[in-house]
Amino acid sequence: MAQFSRIEVAQVMKETGMVPLFYHPDIELGKKVLKACYDGGARLLEFTARGDFAHEVFAALTKYAVAELPGMIMGVGSITDAAAASLYMSLGANFIVTPVFREDIAIACNRRKVAWNPGCGTLTEIARAEELGCEIVKLFPGNLYGPNFVKGIVGPQPWTSIMPTGGVTTEEDNLRGWFDAGVVCVGMGSQLISKQILADKDYNGLENKVADALATIKKIRG
């Protein structure tokens, strides 16, 4: 059962401005990554459930976060159907992120009042997601749309909250482009938690990279 309400999740997404994305089958490595992100100031993590038995890893990481990392909001991404969403919600997921827009997932999450962030790529999808109670829409793949797409949406629809994933990097120019366009949050995976960091087990470096990215976002927002 979710520890945090969907409103709390949306608020933290907007306040911090960044959601790290991560997947690895090794639970102990995952704990170290999670702690490095937490120590760097991140208060959300999207576990991208892409491998066999990923739910077992997510369950272990969520238990660890509850016990050791107060205020850390665990969510799960790469969810493609309502059954998977229900499974992860039963394991403590506080938000569900999807690569595509699916009404069955919206219904499953809304039944439990769990935040969901559907991947949308058109104004019609965004509007329908909002009609079904979505607070923050995921723009995916972000690199195919870019900041100009965001500007085109939030201009006539200033109530729309967008979180791009894909095409977001830690560089100030990149982040400035997105936030100046009007996004409320960004999702960042391999550009933040790189294969090299994982191979080198450079958790201090990851902590610093997370802290720097959050500081840059804060600076851009003024």
C-alpha atoms as a PDB file:
ATOM      1  CA  MET A   1       0.000   0.000   0.000  1.00  0.00           C
ATOM      2  CA  ALA A   2       1.265   3.467  -0.920  1.00  0.00           C
ATOM      3  CA  GLN A   3       2.795   5.501   1.904  1.00  0.00           C
ATOM      4  CA  PHE A   4       2.232   8.799   0.122  1.00  0.00           C
ATOM      5  CA  SER A   5      -0.959  10.209  -1.361  1.00  0.00           C
ATOM      6  CA  ARG A   6      -1.068  11.099  -5.039  1.00  0.00           C
ATOM      7  CA  ILE A   7      -1.200  14.782  -4.088  1.00  0.00           C
ATOM      8  CA  GLU A   8       1.925  14.412  -1.924  1.00  0.00           C
ATOM      9  CA  VAL A   9       3.727  12.673  -4.780  1.00  0.00           C
ATOM     10  CA  ALA A  10       2.810  15.422  -7.240  1.00  0.00           C
ATOM     11  CA  GLN A  11       3.927  18.088  -4.784  1.00  0.00           C
ATOM     12  CA  VAL A  12       7.346  16.491  -4.263  1.00  0.00           C
ATOM     13  CA  MET A  13       7.788  16.034  -8.023  1.00  0.00           C
ATOM     14  CA  LYS A  14       7.104  19.729  -8.517  1.00  0.00           C
ATOM     15  CA  GLU A  15       9.202  20.850  -5.524  1.00  0.00           C
ATOM     16  CA  THR A  16      12.336  18.857  -6.351  1.00  0.00           C
ATOM     17  CA  GLY A  17      11.929  19.018 -10.118  1.00  0.00           C
ATOM     18  CA  MET A  18      13.612  15.686 -10.870  1.00  0.00           C
ATOM     19  CA  VAL A  19      12.837  11.973 -10.749  1.00  0.00           C
ATOM     20  CA  PRO A  20      15.830   9.631 -11.184  1.00  0.00           C
ATOM     21  CA  LEU A  21      15.086   6.485 -13.216  1.00  0.00           C
ATOM     22  CA  PHE A  22      16.926   3.253 -12.525  1.00  0.00           C
ATOM     23  CA  TYR A  23      16.872  -0.491 -13.101  1.00  0.00           C
ATOM     24  CA  HIS A  24      19.307  -3.213 -12.132  1.00  0.00           C
ATOM     25  CA  PRO A  25      18.637  -6.822 -11.092  1.00  0.00           C
ATOM     26  CA  ASP A  26      21.145  -6.687  -8.213  1.00  0.00           C
ATOM     27  CA  ILE A  27      19.335  -5.748  -4.999  1.00  0.00           C
ATOM     28  CA  GLU A  28      22.428  -4.732  -3.042  1.00  0.00           C
ATOM     29  CA  LEU A  29      23.663  -2.534  -5.865  1.00  0.00           C
ATOM     30  CA  GLY A  30      20.175  -1.053  -6.081  1.00  0.00           C
ATOM     31  CA  LYS A  31      20.242  -0.142  -2.394  1.00  0.00           C
ATOM     32  CA  LYS A  32      23.519   1.713  -2.838  1.00  0.00           C
ATOM     33  CA  VAL A  33      22.167   3.610  -5.854  1.00  0.00           C
ATOM     34  CA  LEU A  34      19.012   4.463  -3.961  1.00  0.00           C
ATOM     35  CA  LYS A  35      20.977   5.752  -0.971  1.00  0.00           C
ATOM     36  CA  ALA A  36      23.292   7.798  -3.180  1.00  0.00           C
ATOM     37  CA  CYS A  37      20.286   9.439  -4.851  1.00  0.00           C
ATOM     38  CA  TYR A  38      18.726  10.088  -1.452  1.00  0.00           C
ATOM     39  CA  ASP A  39      21.920  11.529   0.028  1.00  0.00           C
ATOM     40  CA  GLY A  40      22.197  13.736  -3.048  1.00  0.00           C
ATOM     41  CA  GLY A  41      18.789  15.222  -2.270  1.00  0.00           C
ATOM     42  CA  ALA A  42      16.431  13.209  -4.490  1.00  0.00           C
ATOM     43  CA  ARG A  43      13.172  12.285  -2.816  1.00  0.00           C
ATOM     44  CA  LEU A  44      11.684  10.146  -5.553  1.00  0.00           C
ATOM     45  CA  LEU A  45      12.941   7.219  -7.569  1.00  0.00           C
ATOM     46  CA  GLU A  46      11.289   5.500 -10.517  1.00  0.00           C
ATOM     47  CA  PHE A  47      12.327   1.854 -10.678  1.00  0.00           C
ATOM     48  CA  THR A  48      11.985   0.926 -14.348  1.00  0.00           C
ATOM     49  CA  ALA A  49      10.673  -2.632 -14.148  1.00  0.00           C
ATOM     50  CA  ARG A  50      12.204  -4.105 -17.276  1.00  0.00           C
ATOM     51  CA  GLY A  51      13.686  -7.433 -16.217  1.00  0.00           C
ATOM     52  CA  ASP A  52      12.518 -10.851 -15.068  1.00  0.00           C
ATOM     53  CA  PHE A  53      11.620 -10.896 -11.371  1.00  0.00           C
ATOM     54  CA  ALA A  54      11.870  -7.098 -11.275  1.00  0.00           C
ATOM     55  CA  HIS A  55       9.003  -7.044  -8.787  1.00  0.00           C
ATOM     56  CA  GLU A  56      11.166  -8.900  -6.276  1.00  0.00           C
ATOM     57  CA  VAL A  57      13.904  -6.290  -6.598  1.00  0.00           C
ATOM     58  CA  PHE A  58      11.396  -3.456  -6.293  1.00  0.00           C
ATOM     59  CA  ALA A  59       9.876  -4.998  -3.177  1.00  0.00           C
ATOM     60  CA  ALA A  60      13.300  -5.261  -1.519  1.00  0.00           C
ATOM     61  CA  LEU A  61      14.262  -1.694  -2.436  1.00  0.00           C
ATOM     62  CA  THR A  62      10.943  -0.331  -1.202  1.00  0.00           C
ATOM     63  CA  LYS A  63      11.307  -2.120   2.135  1.00  0.00           C
ATOM     64  CA  TYR A  64      14.811  -0.679   2.409  1.00  0.00           C
ATOM     65  CA  ALA A  65      13.568   2.841   1.646  1.00  0.00           C
ATOM     66  CA  VAL A  66      10.780   2.591   4.212  1.00  0.00           C
ATOM     67  CA  ALA A  67      13.198   1.371   6.886  1.00  0.00           C
ATOM     68  CA  GLU A  68      16.258   3.499   6.142  1.00  0.00           C
ATOM     69  CA  LEU A  69      15.379   6.502   3.956  1.00  0.00           C
ATOM     70  CA  PRO A  70      12.560   8.551   5.508  1.00  0.00           C
ATOM     71  CA  GLY A  71      10.596  10.557   2.967  1.00  0.00           C
ATOM     72  CA  MET A  72      11.877   8.640  -0.060  1.00  0.00           C
ATOM     73  CA  ILE A  73       8.995   8.073  -2.485  1.00  0.00           C
ATOM     74  CA  MET A  74       9.327   4.853  -4.473  1.00  0.00           C
ATOM     75  CA  GLY A  75       7.551   4.474  -7.790  1.00  0.00           C
ATOM     76  CA  VAL A  76       7.733   2.094 -10.706  1.00  0.00           C
ATOM     77  CA  GLY A  77       8.004   2.691 -14.445  1.00  0.00           C
ATOM     78  CA  SER A  78       7.718   0.743 -17.711  1.00  0.00           C
ATOM     79  CA  ILE A  79       4.277  -0.506 -16.655  1.00  0.00           C
ATOM     80  CA  THR A  80       2.147  -1.575 -19.616  1.00  0.00           C
ATOM     81  CA  ASP A  81      -1.068  -3.009 -18.155  1.00  0.00           C
ATOM     82  CA  ALA A  82      -3.376  -2.783 -15.151  1.00  0.00           C
ATOM     83  CA  ALA A  83      -2.329  -6.173 -13.770  1.00  0.00           C
ATOM     84  CA  ALA A  84       1.292  -5.075 -13.483  1.00  0.00           C
ATOM     85  CA  ALA A  85       0.219  -1.759 -11.942  1.00  0.00           C
ATOM     86  CA  SER A  86      -1.834  -3.620  -9.336  1.00  0.00           C
ATOM     87  CA  LEU A  87       1.064  -5.942  -8.543  1.00  0.00           C
ATOM     88  CA  TYR A  88       3.457  -3.074  -7.908  1.00  0.00           C
ATOM     89  CA  MET A  89       0.906  -1.102  -5.904  1.00  0.00           C
ATOM     90  CA  SER A  90       0.547  -4.146  -3.648  1.00  0.00           C
ATOM     91  CA  LEU A  91       4.335  -3.985  -3.187  1.00  0.00           C
ATOM     92  CA  GLY A  92       4.203  -0.366  -2.036  1.00  0.00           C
ATOM     93  CA  ALA A  93       4.525   1.676  -5.245  1.00  0.00           C
ATOM     94  CA  ASN A  94       3.594   5.296  -4.590  1.00  0.00           C
ATOM     95  CA  PHE A  95       3.359   6.197  -8.264  1.00  0.00           C
ATOM     96  CA  ILE A  96       3.016   4.320 -11.540  1.00  0.00           C
ATOM     97  CA  VAL A  97       4.719   5.546 -14.714  1.00  0.00           C
ATOM     98  CA  THR A  98       3.807   4.182 -18.132  1.00  0.00           C
ATOM     99  CA  PRO A  99       5.405   4.513 -21.584  1.00  0.00           C
ATOM    100  CA  VAL A 100       1.967   4.851 -23.182  1.00  0.00           C
ATOM    101  CA  PHE A 101      -1.474   6.144 -22.224  1.00  0.00           C
ATOM    102  CA  ARG A 102      -3.820   3.354 -21.088  1.00  0.00           C
ATOM    103  CA  GLU A 103      -7.174   3.850 -19.438  1.00  0.00           C
ATOM    104  CA  ASP A 104      -7.065   0.464 -17.684  1.00  0.00           C
ATOM    105  CA  ILE A 105      -4.000   1.597 -15.739  1.00  0.00           C
ATOM    106  CA  ALA A 106      -5.693   4.904 -14.891  1.00  0.00           C
ATOM    107  CA  ILE A 107      -8.680   3.035 -13.464  1.00  0.00           C
ATOM    108  CA  ALA A 108      -6.512   0.635 -11.435  1.00  0.00           C
ATOM    109  CA  CYS A 109      -4.482   3.503  -9.934  1.00  0.00           C
ATOM    110  CA  ASN A 110      -7.492   5.718  -9.280  1.00  0.00           C
ATOM    111  CA  ARG A 111      -9.198   2.921  -7.342  1.00  0.00           C
ATOM    112  CA  ARG A 112      -6.351   3.111  -4.829  1.00  0.00           C
ATOM    113  CA  LYS A 113      -5.761   6.867  -5.205  1.00  0.00           C
ATOM    114  CA  VAL A 114      -2.206   6.196  -6.357  1.00  0.00           C
ATOM    115  CA  ALA A 115      -0.472   8.732  -8.595  1.00  0.00           C
ATOM    116  CA  TRP A 116       0.032   7.721 -12.221  1.00  0.00           C
ATOM    117  CA  ASN A 117       2.073   9.412 -14.929  1.00  0.00           C
ATOM    118  CA  PRO A 118       1.131   8.175 -18.397  1.00  0.00           C
ATOM    119  CA  GLY A 119       3.390   8.592 -21.395  1.00  0.00           C
ATOM    120  CA  CYS A 120       1.631  10.958 -23.797  1.00  0.00           C
ATOM    121  CA  GLY A 121       2.651  12.404 -27.145  1.00  0.00           C
ATOM    122  CA  THR A 122      -0.368  14.376 -28.348  1.00  0.00           C
ATOM    123  CA  LEU A 123      -2.592  17.088 -26.933  1.00  0.00           C
ATOM    124  CA  THR A 124      -5.533  14.706 -27.199  1.00  0.00           C
ATOM    125  CA  GLU A 125      -3.760  12.093 -25.056  1.00  0.00           C
ATOM    126  CA  ILE A 126      -2.761  14.743 -22.532  1.00  0.00           C
ATOM    127  CA  ALA A 127      -6.303  16.079 -22.286  1.00  0.00           C
ATOM    128  CA  ARG A 128      -7.751  12.581 -21.880  1.00  0.00           C
ATOM    129  CA  ALA A 129      -5.196  11.733 -19.194  1.00  0.00           C
ATOM    130  CA  GLU A 130      -6.177  14.866 -17.286  1.00  0.00           C
ATOM    131  CA  GLU A 131      -9.858  13.963 -17.622  1.00  0.00           C
ATOM    132  CA  LEU A 132      -8.981  10.649 -15.968  1.00  0.00           C
ATOM    133  CA  GLY A 133      -7.299  12.388 -13.031  1.00  0.00           C
ATOM    134  CA  CYS A 134      -3.637  12.584 -14.068  1.00  0.00           C
ATOM    135  CA  GLU A 135      -1.815  15.360 -12.217  1.00  0.00           C
ATOM    136  CA  ILE A 136       1.545  15.252 -14.054  1.00  0.00           C
ATOM    137  CA  VAL A 137       1.763  13.914 -17.596  1.00  0.00           C
ATOM    138  CA  LYS A 138       4.909  12.179 -18.806  1.00  0.00           C
ATOM    139  CA  LEU A 139       6.143  13.422 -22.193  1.00  0.00           C
ATOM    140  CA  PHE A 140       7.780  10.419 -23.815  1.00  0.00           C
ATOM    141  CA  PRO A 141      10.082  10.091 -25.630  1.00  0.00           C
ATOM    142  CA  GLY A 142      11.055  13.636 -24.685  1.00  0.00           C
ATOM    143  CA  ASN A 143      13.876  13.864 -27.225  1.00  0.00           C
ATOM    144  CA  LEU A 144      11.410  13.363 -30.083  1.00  0.00           C
ATOM    145  CA  TYR A 145       9.244  16.288 -28.953  1.00  0.00           C
ATOM    146  CA  GLY A 146      11.559  18.766 -27.252  1.00  0.00           C
ATOM    147  CA  PRO A 147      10.927  21.983 -25.317  1.00  0.00           C
ATOM    148  CA  ASN A 148       9.034  23.625 -28.184  1.00  0.00           C
ATOM    149  CA  PHE A 149       6.323  20.972 -27.887  1.00  0.00           C
ATOM    150  CA  VAL A 150       5.990  21.785 -24.187  1.00  0.00           C
ATOM    151  CA  LYS A 151       5.669  25.495 -24.973  1.00  0.00           C
ATOM    152  CA  GLY A 152       2.956  24.699 -27.492  1.00  0.00           C
ATOM    153  CA  ILE A 153       0.956  22.814 -24.867  1.00  0.00           C
ATOM    154  CA  VAL A 154       1.302  24.941 -21.741  1.00  0.00           C
ATOM    155  CA  GLY A 155       0.704  28.180 -23.641  1.00  0.00           C
ATOM    156  CA  PRO A 156      -3.000  27.516 -24.247  1.00  0.00           C
ATOM    157  CA  GLN A 157      -3.206  25.037 -21.324  1.00  0.00           C
ATOM    158  CA  PRO A 158      -1.318  26.598 -18.396  1.00  0.00           C
ATOM    159  CA  TRP A 159      -2.936  24.096 -16.018  1.00  0.00           C
ATOM    160  CA  THR A 160      -1.111  21.195 -17.677  1.00  0.00           C
ATOM    161  CA  SER A 161       1.901  19.784 -15.775  1.00  0.00           C
ATOM    162  CA  ILE A 162       4.480  17.988 -17.918  1.00  0.00           C
ATOM    163  CA  MET A 163       7.449  15.766 -17.013  1.00  0.00           C
ATOM    164  CA  PRO A 164       9.666  14.869 -19.996  1.00  0.00           C
ATOM    165  CA  THR A 165      11.639  11.640 -19.906  1.00  0.00           C
ATOM    166  CA  GLY A 166      14.222  10.913 -22.582  1.00  0.00           C
ATOM    167  CA  GLY A 167      16.409  13.655 -23.982  1.00  0.00           C
ATOM    168  CA  VAL A 168      17.009  15.193 -20.548  1.00  0.00           C
ATOM    169  CA  THR A 169      20.616  15.608 -19.420  1.00  0.00           C
ATOM    170  CA  THR A 170      22.356  17.138 -16.413  1.00  0.00           C
ATOM    171  CA  GLU A 171      23.809  20.037 -18.428  1.00  0.00           C
ATOM    172  CA  GLU A 172      22.463  23.455 -17.473  1.00  0.00           C
ATOM    173  CA  ASP A 173      21.601  24.430 -21.045  1.00  0.00           C
ATOM    174  CA  ASN A 174      19.514  21.292 -21.494  1.00  0.00           C
ATOM    175  CA  LEU A 175      17.700  21.679 -18.185  1.00  0.00           C
ATOM    176  CA  ARG A 176      17.140  25.381 -18.781  1.00  0.00           C
ATOM    177  CA  GLY A 177      15.568  24.630 -22.133  1.00  0.00           C
ATOM    178  CA  TRP A 178      13.031  22.303 -20.557  1.00  0.00           C
ATOM    179  CA  PHE A 179      12.188  24.403 -17.502  1.00  0.00           C
ATOM    180  CA  ASP A 180      12.022  27.653 -19.443  1.00  0.00           C
ATOM    181  CA  ALA A 181       9.556  25.900 -21.759  1.00  0.00           C
ATOM    182  CA  GLY A 182       7.310  25.189 -18.778  1.00  0.00           C
ATOM    183  CA  VAL A 183       7.924  21.664 -17.484  1.00  0.00           C
ATOM    184  CA  VAL A 184       7.354  21.092 -13.756  1.00  0.00           C
ATOM    185  CA  CYS A 185       9.718  18.140 -13.442  1.00  0.00           C
ATOM    186  CA  VAL A 186      12.103  15.988 -15.474  1.00  0.00           C
ATOM    187  CA  GLY A 187      12.777  12.276 -15.483  1.00  0.00           C
ATOM    188  CA  MET A 188      16.428  11.311 -15.879  1.00  0.00           C
ATOM    189  CA  GLY A 189      17.850   7.836 -16.350  1.00  0.00           C
ATOM    190  CA  SER A 190      21.177   6.909 -17.927  1.00  0.00           C
ATOM    191  CA  GLN A 191      22.242  10.544 -18.230  1.00  0.00           C
ATOM    192  CA  LEU A 192      22.222  10.640 -14.429  1.00  0.00           C
ATOM    193  CA  ILE A 193      22.824   7.040 -13.349  1.00  0.00           C
ATOM    194  CA  SER A 194      25.198   5.999 -16.109  1.00  0.00           C
ATOM    195  CA  LYS A 195      26.511   2.564 -16.971  1.00  0.00           C
ATOM    196  CA  GLN A 196      29.986   3.826 -16.092  1.00  0.00           C
ATOM    197  CA  ILE A 197      28.905   4.896 -12.603  1.00  0.00           C
ATOM    198  CA  LEU A 198      27.368   1.475 -12.052  1.00  0.00           C
ATOM    199  CA  ALA A 199      30.400  -0.373 -13.457  1.00  0.00           C
ATOM    200  CA  ASP A 200      32.768   1.644 -11.267  1.00  0.00           C
ATOM    201  CA  LYS A 201      30.409   1.494  -8.284  1.00  0.00           C
ATOM    202  CA  ASP A 202      31.018   5.221  -7.963  1.00  0.00           C
ATOM    203  CA  TYR A 203      28.241   5.952  -5.490  1.00  0.00           C
ATOM    204  CA  ASN A 204      29.901   9.105  -4.155  1.00  0.00           C
ATOM    205  CA  GLY A 205      30.115  10.388  -7.697  1.00  0.00           C
ATOM    206  CA  LEU A 206      26.433   9.602  -8.203  1.00  0.00           C
ATOM    207  CA  GLU A 207      25.504  11.425  -5.008  1.00  0.00           C
ATOM    208  CA  ASN A 208      27.396  14.487  -6.212  1.00  0.00           C
ATOM    209  CA  LYS A 209      25.841  14.286  -9.671  1.00  0.00           C
ATOM    210  CA  VAL A 210      22.330  14.164  -8.205  1.00  0.00           C
ATOM    211  CA  ALA A 211      23.093  17.080  -5.896  1.00  0.00           C
ATOM    212  CA  ASP A 212      24.525  19.126  -8.766  1.00  0.00           C
ATOM    213  CA  ALA A 213      21.510  18.435 -11.005  1.00  0.00           C
ATOM    214  CA  LEU A 214      19.075  19.453  -8.268  1.00  0.00           C
ATOM    215  CA  ALA A 215      21.110  22.598  -7.566  1.00  0.00           C
ATOM    216  CA  THR A 216      21.058  23.476 -11.262  1.00  0.00           C
ATOM    217  CA  ILE A 217      17.278  23.046 -11.396  1.00  0.00           C
ATOM    218  CA  LYS A 218      16.892  25.248  -8.336  1.00  0.00           C
ATOM    219  CA  LYS A 219      19.124  27.906  -9.919  1.00  0.00           C
ATOM    220  CA  ILE A 220      17.159  27.861 -13.180  1.00  0.00           C
ATOM    221  CA  ARG A 221      13.893  28.258 -11.331  1.00  0.00           C
ATOM    222  CA  GLY A 222      15.284  31.250  -9.461  1.00  0.00           C
END
